[in-house]
Amino acid sequence: MADARTNELTPEERWVIEGKGTEPPFSGQYDDFFQPGTYVCKRCGAELYTSDSKFDAHCGWPAFDDEVEGAVKRLPDPDGIRTEIECAACGAHLGHVFEGEGFTPKNTRHCVNSLSMRFVPA
């Protein structure tokens, strides 16, 4: 895994990853993308999700129903309603996690910004 600060980020990536921003819905490169492989943190390279856990939630952002064990940290969102998710290795903002929606048998949806990840083909 690379050091948390070694991967150079674009201003847009910094806004999402460090500023806890959100890319516009249906704009991310991984929203409608279903190839076998692994999604890693854009900032530090830590493995976050596998393609086996990705599903189409029709929400405008990549959706996963499970993370790589120990890869994602959950925090109360400042809005007091949602749960924010971060890379457990470097603290990069990923998006939010929702439970109880019934999309998959795991009943969990990690709604992740494409800008927070990089895809590594299998």
Protein backbone atom coordinates (compact mmCIF):
# COMPACT_ATOMS: atom_id res chain seq x y z
CA MET A 1 0.00 0.00 0.00
CA ALA A 2 1.24 3.48 -0.84
CA ASP A 3 1.64 6.23 1.72
CA ALA A 4 -1.59 8.18 2.25
CA ARG A 5 -0.11 11.29 0.65
CA THR A 6 1.86 9.82 -2.28
CA ASN A 7 -0.94 9.59 -4.84
CA GLU A 8 -1.39 12.98 -6.47
CA LEU A 9 -5.01 14.09 -6.57
CA THR A 10 -6.75 16.45 -8.95
CA PRO A 11 -8.54 19.46 -7.42
CA GLU A 12 -11.89 17.68 -7.96
CA GLU A 13 -10.60 14.51 -6.24
CA ARG A 14 -9.24 16.61 -3.32
CA TRP A 15 -12.63 18.30 -2.96
CA VAL A 16 -14.35 14.89 -2.60
CA ILE A 17 -11.66 12.95 -0.70
CA GLU A 18 -10.35 15.65 1.63
CA GLY A 19 -13.23 18.14 1.61
CA LYS A 20 -15.93 15.45 1.97
CA GLY A 21 -17.66 16.57 -1.20
CA THR A 22 -20.01 14.56 -3.42
CA GLU A 23 -19.68 14.16 -7.16
CA PRO A 24 -22.88 14.79 -9.15
CA PRO A 25 -25.13 11.72 -9.53
CA PHE A 26 -24.65 9.61 -12.68
CA SER A 27 -21.36 11.41 -13.46
CA GLY A 28 -18.79 8.99 -12.02
CA GLN A 29 -16.88 6.56 -14.20
CA TYR A 30 -17.80 3.56 -11.99
CA ASP A 31 -21.54 4.17 -11.65
CA ASP A 32 -22.50 1.94 -14.59
CA PHE A 33 -19.34 -0.19 -14.59
CA PHE A 34 -19.34 -3.94 -13.89
CA GLN A 35 -15.96 -5.50 -14.66
CA PRO A 36 -14.25 -8.11 -12.44
CA GLY A 37 -11.62 -6.63 -10.17
CA THR A 38 -10.96 -4.62 -7.04
CA TYR A 39 -11.66 -1.00 -6.13
CA VAL A 40 -8.88 0.70 -4.18
CA CYS A 41 -8.62 4.03 -2.39
CA LYS A 42 -7.60 6.77 -4.81
CA ARG A 43 -5.42 8.43 -2.16
CA CYS A 44 -3.55 5.52 -0.53
CA GLY A 45 -4.21 2.45 -2.67
CA ALA A 46 -5.81 0.34 0.08
CA GLU A 47 -8.27 -2.29 -1.16
CA LEU A 48 -11.85 -1.20 -0.41
CA TYR A 49 -14.34 -3.28 -2.42
CA THR A 50 -14.42 -6.19 -4.85
CA SER A 51 -16.57 -6.36 -7.95
CA ASP A 52 -18.46 -9.29 -6.35
CA SER A 53 -20.05 -6.86 -3.88
CA LYS A 54 -21.02 -4.22 -6.49
CA PHE A 55 -24.64 -3.91 -7.60
CA ASP A 56 -26.79 -1.47 -9.56
CA ALA A 57 -28.82 0.54 -7.05
CA HIS A 58 -29.94 3.07 -9.70
CA CYS A 59 -28.88 5.83 -7.30
CA GLY A 60 -26.27 7.58 -9.47
CA TRP A 61 -23.18 6.38 -7.59
CA PRO A 62 -21.36 3.06 -7.41
CA ALA A 63 -23.06 0.81 -4.84
CA PHE A 64 -21.57 -2.08 -2.86
CA ASP A 65 -23.23 -4.30 -0.26
CA ASP A 66 -19.98 -5.26 1.48
CA GLU A 67 -16.45 -3.96 1.92
CA VAL A 68 -13.09 -5.69 2.17
CA GLU A 69 -12.82 -6.69 5.82
CA GLY A 70 -11.49 -3.80 7.91
CA ALA A 71 -11.18 -1.44 4.93
CA VAL A 72 -14.00 1.01 5.65
CA LYS A 73 -14.59 3.13 8.74
CA ARG A 74 -18.11 4.31 9.60
CA LEU A 75 -18.66 7.70 11.24
CA PRO A 76 -21.73 9.78 12.10
CA ASP A 77 -22.23 12.33 9.31
CA PRO A 78 -22.29 15.98 10.40
CA ASP A 79 -25.90 16.14 9.09
CA GLY A 80 -26.90 13.94 12.06
CA ILE A 81 -28.86 11.58 9.80
CA ARG A 82 -26.50 9.65 7.54
CA THR A 83 -23.44 7.50 8.21
CA GLU A 84 -20.26 8.61 6.45
CA ILE A 85 -17.71 6.06 5.23
CA GLU A 86 -13.96 6.63 5.02
CA CYS A 87 -10.96 4.59 4.00
CA ALA A 88 -9.81 2.98 7.25
CA ALA A 89 -6.16 3.25 6.15
CA CYS A 90 -5.95 6.98 5.34
CA GLY A 91 -9.28 8.63 6.22
CA ALA A 92 -10.23 9.49 2.63
CA HIS A 93 -13.93 10.32 2.30
CA LEU A 94 -15.71 7.62 0.27
CA GLY A 95 -19.40 8.46 0.61
CA HIS A 96 -22.18 7.12 2.82
CA VAL A 97 -23.60 3.78 3.89
CA PHE A 98 -27.32 3.01 4.15
CA GLU A 99 -28.98 0.00 5.74
CA GLY A 100 -32.47 -1.47 5.56
CA GLU A 101 -33.26 -0.58 1.95
CA GLY A 102 -33.65 -4.18 0.77
CA PHE A 103 -31.55 -3.92 -2.41
CA THR A 104 -29.54 -7.07 -1.62
CA PRO A 105 -29.76 -9.90 0.93
CA LYS A 106 -27.09 -8.07 2.98
CA ASN A 107 -29.48 -5.09 3.18
CA THR A 108 -26.57 -2.63 2.99
CA ARG A 109 -25.64 -0.04 0.36
CA HIS A 110 -22.27 1.67 0.36
CA CYS A 111 -22.87 4.68 -1.89
CA VAL A 112 -19.35 5.63 -3.03
CA ASN A 113 -17.95 8.48 -5.09
CA SER A 114 -16.12 7.21 -8.18
CA LEU A 115 -13.55 9.95 -7.59
CA SER A 116 -12.61 8.30 -4.28
CA MET A 117 -11.59 5.03 -5.93
CA ARG A 118 -9.43 3.50 -8.63
CA PHE A 119 -10.35 0.21 -10.31
CA VAL A 120 -7.79 -2.60 -10.59
CA PRO A 121 -8.89 -5.25 -13.14
CA ALA A 122 -8.81 -8.92 -12.05
